[in-house]
Amino acid sequence: MVYILFSFSAFIRGLRKLFLLHPPRRFAAAMYIYNYGLM
């Protein structure tokens, strides 16, 4: 449980960095989150 939370926080951190680099790719990032949640 803690490991999942930690990996998810790291994932969110990387995603925020991706937002800063590529603001227009918000839809692609949202789809990535959706697929990540399904797995």
N, C-alpha and C. Protein backbone atom coordinates (compact mmCIF):
# COMPACT_ATOMS: atom_id res chain seq x y z
N MET A 1 0.84 -1.21 0.00
CA MET A 1 0.00 0.00 0.00
C MET A 1 0.87 1.26 0.00
N VAL A 2 1.85 1.28 0.91
CA VAL A 2 2.76 2.43 0.98
C VAL A 2 3.58 2.53 -0.29
N TYR A 3 3.99 1.37 -0.83
CA TYR A 3 4.80 1.36 -2.05
C TYR A 3 3.99 1.93 -3.22
N ILE A 4 2.72 1.55 -3.30
CA ILE A 4 1.85 2.05 -4.37
C ILE A 4 1.69 3.57 -4.25
N LEU A 5 1.52 4.05 -3.02
CA LEU A 5 1.36 5.48 -2.79
C LEU A 5 2.63 6.22 -3.17
N PHE A 6 3.78 5.65 -2.80
CA PHE A 6 5.07 6.28 -3.11
C PHE A 6 5.30 6.34 -4.61
N SER A 7 5.04 5.23 -5.30
CA SER A 7 5.24 5.19 -6.75
C SER A 7 4.27 6.15 -7.45
N PHE A 8 3.06 6.26 -6.91
CA PHE A 8 2.07 7.16 -7.50
C PHE A 8 2.49 8.62 -7.31
N SER A 9 3.06 8.94 -6.14
CA SER A 9 3.51 10.32 -5.89
C SER A 9 4.67 10.66 -6.82
N ALA A 10 5.58 9.69 -7.03
CA ALA A 10 6.70 9.91 -7.95
C ALA A 10 6.17 10.08 -9.37
N PHE A 11 5.13 9.31 -9.71
CA PHE A 11 4.51 9.40 -11.03
C PHE A 11 3.90 10.78 -11.24
N ILE A 12 3.21 11.29 -10.22
CA ILE A 12 2.61 12.63 -10.29
C ILE A 12 3.68 13.69 -10.43
N ARG A 13 4.79 13.49 -9.71
CA ARG A 13 5.88 14.47 -9.77
C ARG A 13 6.46 14.53 -11.18
N GLY A 14 6.68 13.37 -11.79
CA GLY A 14 7.20 13.32 -13.15
C GLY A 14 6.20 13.90 -14.14
N LEU A 15 4.92 13.69 -13.86
CA LEU A 15 3.87 14.21 -14.74
C LEU A 15 3.83 15.74 -14.68
N ARG A 16 4.05 16.28 -13.47
CA ARG A 16 4.06 17.74 -13.33
C ARG A 16 5.24 18.33 -14.08
N LYS A 17 6.37 17.61 -14.04
CA LYS A 17 7.56 18.05 -14.79
C LYS A 17 7.26 18.02 -16.29
N LEU A 18 6.50 16.99 -16.71
CA LEU A 18 6.12 16.88 -18.12
C LEU A 18 5.21 18.04 -18.52
N PHE A 19 4.31 18.43 -17.61
CA PHE A 19 3.43 19.58 -17.86
C PHE A 19 4.24 20.84 -18.08
N LEU A 20 5.28 21.04 -17.25
CA LEU A 20 6.11 22.24 -17.36
C LEU A 20 6.85 22.25 -18.69
N LEU A 21 7.25 21.06 -19.16
CA LEU A 21 7.99 20.98 -20.41
C LEU A 21 7.07 21.10 -21.62
N HIS A 22 5.94 20.39 -21.58
CA HIS A 22 5.03 20.36 -22.74
C HIS A 22 3.60 20.66 -22.30
N PRO A 23 3.23 21.92 -22.12
CA PRO A 23 1.87 22.26 -21.72
C PRO A 23 0.78 21.78 -22.69
N PRO A 24 1.02 21.76 -24.02
CA PRO A 24 -0.03 21.33 -24.94
C PRO A 24 -0.35 19.84 -24.87
N ARG A 25 0.53 19.06 -24.23
CA ARG A 25 0.32 17.60 -24.22
C ARG A 25 -0.53 17.16 -23.04
N ARG A 26 -1.40 18.02 -22.58
CA ARG A 26 -2.20 17.71 -21.39
C ARG A 26 -3.15 16.54 -21.66
N PHE A 27 -3.71 16.48 -22.86
CA PHE A 27 -4.63 15.39 -23.20
C PHE A 27 -3.91 14.05 -23.22
N ALA A 28 -2.70 14.04 -23.79
CA ALA A 28 -1.91 12.81 -23.84
C ALA A 28 -1.55 12.36 -22.42
N ALA A 29 -1.22 13.31 -21.56
CA ALA A 29 -0.90 12.98 -20.18
C ALA A 29 -2.12 12.43 -19.45
N ALA A 30 -3.29 13.01 -19.74
CA ALA A 30 -4.53 12.53 -19.13
C ALA A 30 -4.83 11.10 -19.57
N MET A 31 -4.61 10.80 -20.84
CA MET A 31 -4.81 9.44 -21.34
C MET A 31 -3.81 8.49 -20.70
N TYR A 32 -2.58 8.99 -20.46
CA TYR A 32 -1.55 8.17 -19.81
C TYR A 32 -1.97 7.84 -18.38
N ILE A 33 -2.54 8.82 -17.68
CA ILE A 33 -3.02 8.59 -16.31
C ILE A 33 -4.15 7.56 -16.34
N TYR A 34 -5.04 7.68 -17.33
CA TYR A 34 -6.18 6.77 -17.44
C TYR A 34 -5.70 5.33 -17.64
N ASN A 35 -4.74 5.14 -18.56
CA ASN A 35 -4.20 3.81 -18.81
C ASN A 35 -3.44 3.29 -17.60
N TYR A 36 -2.74 4.20 -16.90
CA TYR A 36 -1.99 3.81 -15.70
C TYR A 36 -2.94 3.34 -14.60
N GLY A 37 -4.10 3.98 -14.53
CA GLY A 37 -5.09 3.60 -13.52
C GLY A 37 -5.73 2.26 -13.84
N LEU A 38 -5.85 1.93 -15.13
CA LEU A 38 -6.45 0.65 -15.52
C LEU A 38 -5.51 -0.51 -15.21
N MET A 39 -4.21 -0.28 -15.27
CA MET A 39 -3.26 -1.36 -15.04
C MET A 39 -3.03 -1.65 -13.55
